C-alpha atoms as a PDB file:
ATOM      1  CA  MET A   1      93.606  70.405 112.366  1.00  0.00           C
ATOM      2  CA  LEU A   2      94.449  72.864 109.870  1.00  0.00           C
ATOM      3  CA  GLU A   3      93.846  72.567 106.095  1.00  0.00           C
ATOM      4  CA  ILE A   4      94.925  75.319 103.754  1.00  0.00           C
ATOM      5  CA  LYS A   5      93.944  74.712 100.186  1.00  0.00           C
ATOM      6  CA  ASN A   6      95.326  76.709  97.242  1.00  0.00           C
ATOM      7  CA  ILE A   7      95.276  79.941  98.845  1.00  0.00           C
ATOM      8  CA  SER A   8      96.797  83.411  97.090  1.00  0.00           C
ATOM      9  CA  LYS A   9      96.902  86.872  98.471  1.00  0.00           C
ATOM     10  CA  THR A  10      98.060  89.942  96.356  1.00  0.00           C
ATOM     11  CA  PHE A  11      98.518  93.268  97.880  1.00  0.00           C
ATOM     12  CA  ASN A  12      97.951  96.540  95.917  1.00  0.00           C
ATOM     13  CA  PRO A  13      96.643  94.591  92.827  1.00  0.00           C
ATOM     14  CA  GLY A  14      97.122  96.641  89.695  1.00  0.00           C
ATOM     15  CA  THR A  15      99.351  99.189  90.934  1.00  0.00           C
ATOM     16  CA  LEU A  16     103.226  99.519  90.719  1.00  0.00           C
ATOM     17  CA  ASN A  17     103.529  98.333  94.199  1.00  0.00           C
ATOM     18  CA  GLU A  18     101.675  95.093  93.403  1.00  0.00           C
ATOM     19  CA  LYS A  19     103.029  92.288  95.678  1.00  0.00           C
ATOM     20  CA  CYS A  20     101.912  88.539  95.252  1.00  0.00           C
ATOM     21  CA  ALA A  21     102.412  87.485  99.000  1.00  0.00           C
ATOM     22  CA  LEU A  22     100.979  84.007  98.805  1.00  0.00           C
ATOM     23  CA  ASN A  23     100.640  81.974  95.483  1.00  0.00           C
ATOM     24  CA  ASN A  24      98.448  78.957  95.529  1.00  0.00           C
ATOM     25  CA  VAL A  25      99.712  77.831  98.763  1.00  0.00           C
ATOM     26  CA  SER A  26      98.325  74.383 100.237  1.00  0.00           C
ATOM     27  CA  LEU A  27      99.187  72.856 103.561  1.00  0.00           C
ATOM     28  CA  THR A  28      97.768  70.406 105.983  1.00  0.00           C
ATOM     29  CA  LEU A  29      98.580  70.222 109.771  1.00  0.00           C
ATOM     30  CA  GLU A  30      97.533  67.255 111.773  1.00  0.00           C
ATOM     31  CA  ASP A  31      96.449  67.271 115.344  1.00  0.00           C
ATOM     32  CA  GLY A  32      99.284  67.873 117.567  1.00  0.00           C
ATOM     33  CA  ASP A  33     101.803  68.885 114.925  1.00  0.00           C
ATOM     34  CA  PHE A  34     104.407  71.611 115.669  1.00  0.00           C
ATOM     35  CA  VAL A  35     105.456  73.222 112.866  1.00  0.00           C
ATOM     36  CA  THR A  36     108.227  75.786 112.214  1.00  0.00           C
ATOM     37  CA  VAL A  37     108.133  78.362 109.223  1.00  0.00           C
ATOM     38  CA  ILE A  38     111.330  79.651 108.134  1.00  0.00           C
ATOM     39  CA  GLY A  39     112.284  82.026 105.132  1.00  0.00           C
ATOM     40  CA  GLY A  40     113.888  85.282 104.028  1.00  0.00           C
ATOM     41  CA  ASN A  41     112.275  88.731 104.343  1.00  0.00           C
ATOM     42  CA  GLY A  42     109.152  88.899 101.956  1.00  0.00           C
ATOM     43  CA  ALA A  43     108.948  85.077 101.698  1.00  0.00           C
ATOM     44  CA  GLY A  44     105.243  84.991 102.737  1.00  0.00           C
ATOM     45  CA  LYS A  45     105.835  83.532 106.406  1.00  0.00           C
ATOM     46  CA  SER A  46     103.474  86.372 108.345  1.00  0.00           C
ATOM     47  CA  THR A  47     101.184  86.628 105.351  1.00  0.00           C
ATOM     48  CA  LEU A  48     100.328  82.915 105.563  1.00  0.00           C
ATOM     49  CA  LEU A  49      99.822  83.359 109.532  1.00  0.00           C
ATOM     50  CA  ASN A  50      97.645  86.295 109.125  1.00  0.00           C
ATOM     51  CA  ALA A  51      95.664  84.746 106.520  1.00  0.00           C
ATOM     52  CA  VAL A  52      95.084  81.841 108.873  1.00  0.00           C
ATOM     53  CA  ALA A  53      94.193  84.425 111.792  1.00  0.00           C
ATOM     54  CA  GLY A  54      91.809  86.276 109.430  1.00  0.00           C
ATOM     55  CA  THR A  55      93.753  89.609 109.662  1.00  0.00           C
ATOM     56  CA  TRP A  56      92.897  89.725 106.083  1.00  0.00           C
ATOM     57  CA  TYR A  57      90.754  87.583 103.806  1.00  0.00           C
ATOM     58  CA  VAL A  58      92.661  85.542 100.696  1.00  0.00           C
ATOM     59  CA  ASP A  59      91.783  86.193  97.265  1.00  0.00           C
ATOM     60  CA  GLU A  60      91.297  82.736  96.317  1.00  0.00           C
ATOM     61  CA  GLY A  61      91.286  79.200  98.233  1.00  0.00           C
ATOM     62  CA  SER A  62      90.089  78.143 101.520  1.00  0.00           C
ATOM     63  CA  ILE A  63      91.080  77.604 105.102  1.00  0.00           C
ATOM     64  CA  SER A  64      89.553  75.260 107.591  1.00  0.00           C
ATOM     65  CA  VAL A  65      90.271  74.803 111.175  1.00  0.00           C
ATOM     66  CA  ASP A  66      89.262  71.273 112.528  1.00  0.00           C
ATOM     67  CA  GLY A  67      86.837  70.871 109.716  1.00  0.00           C
ATOM     68  CA  ILE A  68      85.292  74.327 110.074  1.00  0.00           C
ATOM     69  CA  ASN A  69      85.636  76.273 107.045  1.00  0.00           C
ATOM     70  CA  VAL A  70      86.730  79.815 108.410  1.00  0.00           C
ATOM     71  CA  THR A  71      87.846  81.385 105.202  1.00  0.00           C
ATOM     72  CA  LYS A  72      85.150  84.014 105.418  1.00  0.00           C
ATOM     73  CA  LEU A  73      84.988  84.421 109.017  1.00  0.00           C
ATOM     74  CA  SER A  74      86.039  87.677 110.286  1.00  0.00           C
ATOM     75  CA  GLU A  75      89.329  87.711 112.595  1.00  0.00           C
ATOM     76  CA  HIS A  76      87.196  88.212 115.804  1.00  0.00           C
ATOM     77  CA  LYS A  77      85.022  85.170 114.951  1.00  0.00           C
ATOM     78  CA  ARG A  78      87.992  82.997 114.185  1.00  0.00           C
ATOM     79  CA  ALA A  79      89.695  83.789 117.454  1.00  0.00           C
ATOM     80  CA  LYS A  80      87.514  81.237 119.332  1.00  0.00           C
ATOM     81  CA  TYR A  81      89.308  78.621 117.482  1.00  0.00           C
ATOM     82  CA  LEU A  82      92.705  80.049 117.648  1.00  0.00           C
ATOM     83  CA  GLY A  83      95.498  81.244 120.461  1.00  0.00           C
ATOM     84  CA  ARG A  84      97.943  83.644 119.145  1.00  0.00           C
ATOM     85  CA  VAL A  85     101.289  85.601 120.412  1.00  0.00           C
ATOM     86  CA  PHE A  86     102.544  88.580 118.637  1.00  0.00           C
ATOM     87  CA  GLN A  87     106.121  89.498 118.061  1.00  0.00           C
ATOM     88  CA  ASP A  88     105.787  92.528 120.217  1.00  0.00           C
ATOM     89  CA  PRO A  89     105.613  91.564 123.977  1.00  0.00           C
ATOM     90  CA  MET A  90     103.236  94.706 124.563  1.00  0.00           C
ATOM     91  CA  THR A  91     100.577  93.135 122.147  1.00  0.00           C
ATOM     92  CA  GLY A  92      98.254  90.618 123.611  1.00  0.00           C
ATOM     93  CA  THR A  93      97.846  91.987 127.267  1.00  0.00           C
ATOM     94  CA  ALA A  94      96.217  94.666 129.251  1.00  0.00           C
ATOM     95  CA  ALA A  95      99.205  96.638 130.543  1.00  0.00           C
ATOM     96  CA  THR A  96      97.218  98.375 133.181  1.00  0.00           C
ATOM     97  CA  MET A  97      95.339  95.200 134.718  1.00  0.00           C
ATOM     98  CA  GLY A  98      97.006  92.885 137.145  1.00  0.00           C
ATOM     99  CA  ILE A  99      98.471  89.457 136.014  1.00  0.00           C
ATOM    100  CA  GLU A 100      95.384  87.620 137.698  1.00  0.00           C
ATOM    101  CA  GLU A 101      92.971  90.126 135.678  1.00  0.00           C
ATOM    102  CA  ASN A 102      94.728  89.245 132.414  1.00  0.00           C
ATOM    103  CA  LEU A 103      94.455  85.527 132.874  1.00  0.00           C
ATOM    104  CA  ALA A 104      90.648  85.921 133.834  1.00  0.00           C
ATOM    105  CA  LEU A 105      90.075  87.685 130.651  1.00  0.00           C
ATOM    106  CA  ALA A 106      91.816  85.052 128.766  1.00  0.00           C
ATOM    107  CA  LYS A 107      89.753  82.234 130.697  1.00  0.00           C
ATOM    108  CA  ARG A 108      86.489  83.852 129.897  1.00  0.00           C
ATOM    109  CA  ARG A 109      87.096  84.391 126.289  1.00  0.00           C
ATOM    110  CA  GLY A 110      83.946  83.480 124.284  1.00  0.00           C
ATOM    111  CA  LYS A 111      81.703  83.294 127.428  1.00  0.00           C
ATOM    112  CA  LEU A 112      78.961  85.595 128.366  1.00  0.00           C
ATOM    113  CA  ARG A 113      80.173  88.505 130.689  1.00  0.00           C
ATOM    114  CA  THR A 114      78.118  89.071 133.685  1.00  0.00           C
ATOM    115  CA  LEU A 115      78.059  91.225 136.930  1.00  0.00           C
ATOM    116  CA  ALA A 116      79.425  88.509 138.850  1.00  0.00           C
ATOM    117  CA  ARG A 117      82.173  89.147 141.210  1.00  0.00           C
ATOM    118  CA  GLY A 118      85.536  89.268 139.109  1.00  0.00           C
ATOM    119  CA  ILE A 119      87.995  86.611 140.376  1.00  0.00           C
ATOM    120  CA  HIS A 120      86.890  84.372 143.329  1.00  0.00           C
ATOM    121  CA  HIS A 121      89.331  82.383 145.416  1.00  0.00           C
ATOM    122  CA  LYS A 122      89.319  79.086 143.795  1.00  0.00           C
ATOM    123  CA  GLU A 123      90.162  80.796 140.669  1.00  0.00           C
ATOM    124  CA  ARG A 124      93.060  82.680 142.075  1.00  0.00           C
ATOM    125  CA  ALA A 125      94.272  79.545 143.598  1.00  0.00           C
ATOM    126  CA  GLU A 126      94.313  78.163 139.971  1.00  0.00           C
ATOM    127  CA  TYR A 127      96.045  81.109 138.365  1.00  0.00           C
ATOM    128  CA  HIS A 128      98.821  80.616 141.194  1.00  0.00           C
ATOM    129  CA  GLU A 129      99.424  76.943 139.902  1.00  0.00           C
ATOM    130  CA  LEU A 130      99.084  77.665 136.311  1.00  0.00           C
ATOM    131  CA  LEU A 131     102.023  80.246 136.689  1.00  0.00           C
ATOM    132  CA  LYS A 132     104.117  77.966 138.423  1.00  0.00           C
ATOM    133  CA  ILE A 133     105.097  76.334 135.107  1.00  0.00           C
ATOM    134  CA  LEU A 134     106.616  79.499 133.745  1.00  0.00           C
ATOM    135  CA  ASP A 135     109.305  79.516 136.918  1.00  0.00           C
ATOM    136  CA  LEU A 136     109.462  83.180 136.641  1.00  0.00           C
ATOM    137  CA  GLY A 137     108.029  83.914 140.182  1.00  0.00           C
ATOM    138  CA  LEU A 138     104.823  85.278 138.599  1.00  0.00           C
ATOM    139  CA  GLU A 139     102.567  83.167 141.059  1.00  0.00           C
ATOM    140  CA  ASN A 140     103.597  85.574 143.932  1.00  0.00           C
ATOM    141  CA  ARG A 141     102.636  88.573 141.882  1.00  0.00           C
ATOM    142  CA  LEU A 142      99.012  88.134 140.954  1.00  0.00           C
ATOM    143  CA  THR A 143      98.094  91.772 141.555  1.00  0.00           C
ATOM    144  CA  SER A 144     101.070  93.287 139.997  1.00  0.00           C
ATOM    145  CA  LYS A 145     100.376  95.439 136.722  1.00  0.00           C
ATOM    146  CA  VAL A 146     101.307  93.698 133.698  1.00  0.00           C
ATOM    147  CA  GLY A 147     102.928  96.895 132.430  1.00  0.00           C
ATOM    148  CA  LEU A 148     105.481  96.426 135.073  1.00  0.00           C
ATOM    149  CA  LEU A 149     106.870  93.085 133.705  1.00  0.00           C
ATOM    150  CA  SER A 150     109.868  92.444 131.643  1.00  0.00           C
ATOM    151  CA  GLY A 151     109.384  91.854 127.940  1.00  0.00           C
ATOM    152  CA  GLY A 152     110.175  88.327 128.558  1.00  0.00           C
ATOM    153  CA  GLN A 153     107.883  87.838 131.549  1.00  0.00           C
ATOM    154  CA  ARG A 154     105.142  89.442 129.581  1.00  0.00           C
ATOM    155  CA  GLN A 155     105.597  87.260 126.413  1.00  0.00           C
ATOM    156  CA  ALA A 156     105.539  84.139 128.639  1.00  0.00           C
ATOM    157  CA  LEU A 157     102.204  85.215 130.168  1.00  0.00           C
ATOM    158  CA  THR A 158     101.059  85.881 126.608  1.00  0.00           C
ATOM    159  CA  LEU A 159     101.784  82.327 125.860  1.00  0.00           C
ATOM    160  CA  LEU A 160     100.046  81.250 129.018  1.00  0.00           C
ATOM    161  CA  MET A 161      96.940  83.326 128.058  1.00  0.00           C
ATOM    162  CA  ALA A 162      96.835  81.961 124.491  1.00  0.00           C
ATOM    163  CA  SER A 163      97.089  78.457 125.467  1.00  0.00           C
ATOM    164  CA  LEU A 164      94.653  78.675 128.572  1.00  0.00           C
ATOM    165  CA  LYS A 165      91.585  77.711 126.683  1.00  0.00           C
ATOM    166  CA  LYS A 166      93.474  74.613 124.616  1.00  0.00           C
ATOM    167  CA  PRO A 167      92.815  76.616 121.264  1.00  0.00           C
ATOM    168  CA  LYS A 168      92.508  74.140 118.116  1.00  0.00           C
ATOM    169  CA  LEU A 169      95.450  75.908 116.758  1.00  0.00           C
ATOM    170  CA  LEU A 170      98.276  78.128 118.222  1.00  0.00           C
ATOM    171  CA  LEU A 171      99.722  80.769 116.141  1.00  0.00           C
ATOM    172  CA  LEU A 172     103.280  82.118 117.229  1.00  0.00           C
ATOM    173  CA  ASP A 173     104.543  85.215 115.028  1.00  0.00           C
ATOM    174  CA  GLU A 174     108.170  85.457 115.809  1.00  0.00           C
ATOM    175  CA  HIS A 175     107.338  85.704 119.282  1.00  0.00           C
ATOM    176  CA  THR A 176     110.852  85.748 120.609  1.00  0.00           C
ATOM    177  CA  ALA A 177     112.284  88.040 118.014  1.00  0.00           C
ATOM    178  CA  ALA A 178     112.055  91.268 120.232  1.00  0.00           C
ATOM    179  CA  LEU A 179     113.635  89.546 123.164  1.00  0.00           C
ATOM    180  CA  ASP A 180     117.360  89.095 124.153  1.00  0.00           C
ATOM    181  CA  PRO A 181     118.827  85.567 123.469  1.00  0.00           C
ATOM    182  CA  LYS A 182     118.873  84.272 127.058  1.00  0.00           C
ATOM    183  CA  THR A 183     114.990  85.497 127.360  1.00  0.00           C
ATOM    184  CA  ALA A 184     114.482  83.997 124.060  1.00  0.00           C
ATOM    185  CA  ALA A 185     115.565  80.616 124.858  1.00  0.00           C
ATOM    186  CA  LYS A 186     113.567  80.706 128.409  1.00  0.00           C
ATOM    187  CA  VAL A 187     110.105  81.665 126.345  1.00  0.00           C
ATOM    188  CA  LEU A 188     111.043  78.731 123.754  1.00  0.00           C
ATOM    189  CA  GLU A 189     111.357  76.387 126.411  1.00  0.00           C
ATOM    190  CA  ILE A 190     108.001  77.123 127.904  1.00  0.00           C
ATOM    191  CA  THR A 191     106.494  77.211 124.501  1.00  0.00           C
ATOM    192  CA  GLN A 192     107.539  73.666 124.062  1.00  0.00           C
ATOM    193  CA  THR A 193     106.405  72.611 127.554  1.00  0.00           C
ATOM    194  CA  LEU A 194     102.835  74.190 127.017  1.00  0.00           C
ATOM    195  CA  VAL A 195     102.664  72.805 123.414  1.00  0.00           C
ATOM    196  CA  GLU A 196     103.536  69.357 124.688  1.00  0.00           C
ATOM    197  CA  ARG A 197     101.523  69.421 127.989  1.00  0.00           C
ATOM    198  CA  ASP A 198      98.478  70.308 125.906  1.00  0.00           C
ATOM    199  CA  ASN A 199      99.270  68.479 122.573  1.00  0.00           C
ATOM    200  CA  LEU A 200      98.382  71.826 120.941  1.00  0.00           C
ATOM    201  CA  THR A 201      98.730  72.209 117.125  1.00  0.00           C
ATOM    202  CA  THR A 202     100.945  74.826 116.615  1.00  0.00           C
ATOM    203  CA  LEU A 203     102.474  77.118 113.715  1.00  0.00           C
ATOM    204  CA  MET A 204     105.456  79.081 114.579  1.00  0.00           C
ATOM    205  CA  ILE A 205     107.067  81.666 112.592  1.00  0.00           C
ATOM    206  CA  THR A 206     110.803  82.336 113.031  1.00  0.00           C
ATOM    207  CA  HIS A 207     113.994  83.869 111.889  1.00  0.00           C
ATOM    208  CA  ASN A 208     115.911  81.722 113.686  1.00  0.00           C
ATOM    209  CA  MET A 209     117.527  78.873 111.765  1.00  0.00           C
ATOM    210  CA  ARG A 210     118.559  76.845 114.786  1.00  0.00           C
ATOM    211  CA  ASP A 211     115.049  77.518 116.470  1.00  0.00           C
ATOM    212  CA  ALA A 212     113.228  76.441 113.314  1.00  0.00           C
ATOM    213  CA  ILE A 213     115.426  72.808 113.381  1.00  0.00           C
ATOM    214  CA  HIS A 214     115.399  72.416 117.067  1.00  0.00           C
ATOM    215  CA  TYR A 215     111.712  72.945 117.834  1.00  0.00           C
ATOM    216  CA  GLY A 216     108.551  71.127 116.463  1.00  0.00           C
ATOM    217  CA  ASN A 217     108.160  68.053 114.506  1.00  0.00           C
ATOM    218  CA  ARG A 218     108.169  69.512 111.099  1.00  0.00           C
ATOM    219  CA  LEU A 219     109.850  72.510 109.243  1.00  0.00           C
ATOM    220  CA  ILE A 220     108.481  74.216 106.230  1.00  0.00           C
ATOM    221  CA  MET A 221     110.509  76.918 104.382  1.00  0.00           C
ATOM    222  CA  MET A 222     108.700  79.785 102.291  1.00  0.00           C
ATOM    223  CA  MET A 223     109.999  81.687  99.322  1.00  0.00           C
ATOM    224  CA  ASN A 224     108.177  84.275  97.132  1.00  0.00           C
ATOM    225  CA  GLY A 225     104.916  83.375  98.351  1.00  0.00           C
ATOM    226  CA  ASN A 226     105.461  79.522  98.135  1.00  0.00           C
ATOM    227  CA  ILE A 227     106.373  76.364 100.260  1.00  0.00           C
ATOM    228  CA  ILE A 228     109.572  75.236  98.822  1.00  0.00           C
ATOM    229  CA  PHE A 229     110.229  72.186 100.979  1.00  0.00           C
ATOM    230  CA  ASP A 230     108.578  70.819 104.066  1.00  0.00           C
ATOM    231  CA  ILE A 231     110.621  68.433 106.165  1.00  0.00           C
ATOM    232  CA  LYS A 232     109.611  66.110 109.125  1.00  0.00           C
ATOM    233  CA  GLY A 233     110.478  62.896 110.910  1.00  0.00           C
ATOM    234  CA  GLU A 234     113.961  61.525 110.943  1.00  0.00           C
ATOM    235  CA  GLU A 235     115.025  63.947 108.230  1.00  0.00           C
ATOM    236  CA  LYS A 236     114.236  66.814 110.332  1.00  0.00           C
ATOM    237  CA  LYS A 237     115.611  65.406 113.375  1.00  0.00           C
ATOM    238  CA  ASN A 238     119.241  64.957 111.677  1.00  0.00           C
ATOM    239  CA  LEU A 239     119.050  68.446 110.028  1.00  0.00           C
ATOM    240  CA  THR A 240     121.666  71.096 110.525  1.00  0.00           C
ATOM    241  CA  VAL A 241     121.728  74.918 109.427  1.00  0.00           C
ATOM    242  CA  GLU A 242     124.232  73.941 106.733  1.00  0.00           C
ATOM    243  CA  ASP A 243     121.929  71.241 105.345  1.00  0.00           C
ATOM    244  CA  LEU A 244     119.126  73.789 105.305  1.00  0.00           C
ATOM    245  CA  LEU A 245     121.220  76.493 103.446  1.00  0.00           C
ATOM    246  CA  HIS A 246     122.331  73.771 100.765  1.00  0.00           C
ATOM    247  CA  LYS A 247     118.531  72.476 100.425  1.00  0.00           C
ATOM    248  CA  PHE A 248     117.502  76.426  99.758  1.00  0.00           C
ATOM    249  CA  GLN A 249     120.146  76.782  97.236  1.00  0.00           C
ATOM    250  CA  LEU A 250     119.090  73.406  95.457  1.00  0.00           C
ATOM    251  CA  VAL A 251     115.607  74.298  95.296  1.00  0.00           C
ATOM    252  CA  SER A 252     115.822  77.988  94.707  1.00  0.00           C
ATOM    253  CA  GLY A 253     118.948  78.118  92.552  1.00  0.00           C
ATOM    254  CA  GLU A 254     120.180  80.991  94.569  1.00  0.00           C
ATOM    255  CA  GLN A 255     121.988  81.693  98.040  1.00  0.00           C
ATOM    256  CA  PHE A 256     119.866  82.279 101.122  1.00  0.00           C
ATOM    257  CA  ALA A 257     120.157  86.334 101.584  1.00  0.00           C
ATOM    258  CA  ASP A 258     118.225  87.148 104.862  1.00  0.00           C
ATOM    259  CA  ASP A 259     120.762  88.760 107.032  1.00  0.00           C
ATOM    260  CA  LYS A 260     118.716  88.325 110.304  1.00  0.00           C
ATOM    261  CA  ALA A 261     118.143  84.403 109.785  1.00  0.00           C
ATOM    262  CA  LEU A 262     121.854  84.211 108.741  1.00  0.00           C
ATOM    263  CA  LEU A 263     123.033  86.012 111.828  1.00  0.00           C
ATOM    264  CA  SER A 264     120.861  83.850 114.085  1.00  0.00           C
ATOM    265  CA  LYS A 265     122.126  80.470 112.546  1.00  0.00           C
END
């Protein structure tokens, strides 16, 4: 479903601020894979996700989604294949519009817009049922402005919107990092429910080691723009945080030094 071949990305080349963010990275995700990506600050996690999303073009290599080469496609042209949830709960929704209006925008993505009636009764009933899966009571607040929702409610709604059209690939960019632990746990629970329900191929960036281990069928760790190990199957099921830190030290020859990730272990 996702095939990344030998991609590299350097920011500010030829200057004192030159930074190699991705160094000849290759990665393949099969249909239905739920891959968590962990690594310290500057490891290349978000750069990898942004390269897939088309936020910027890679310097070398290729990216294909479901057999379609998207390497040279702009961000908005790739959007029809992708669903994305950002770290900031304020991103990805229209704050001044109602919940049902935001869902309608997500449902109409990629379709020709007309002057037909905005939201009909049948569609409203569909949104009512869809929102029940979140278990947040939002199905009874269809006309409420999204800007009035809490961060967790808004992030849960964004997840629903991102998965509504069953994208080829769902990209989660530390989507619980701005939430308190209890709310983050709820959003991750919803994430797993939606991913499993629709068998969504998913790439989830996280700083939380426990979350990286607990969720998904595969775990990737990055360092200095490289994938340093890739764990799946029984090995991942039996993995502990201590195992993860030990593997990092063996591969890199140094101690894991990301305070944010260590505090969340």
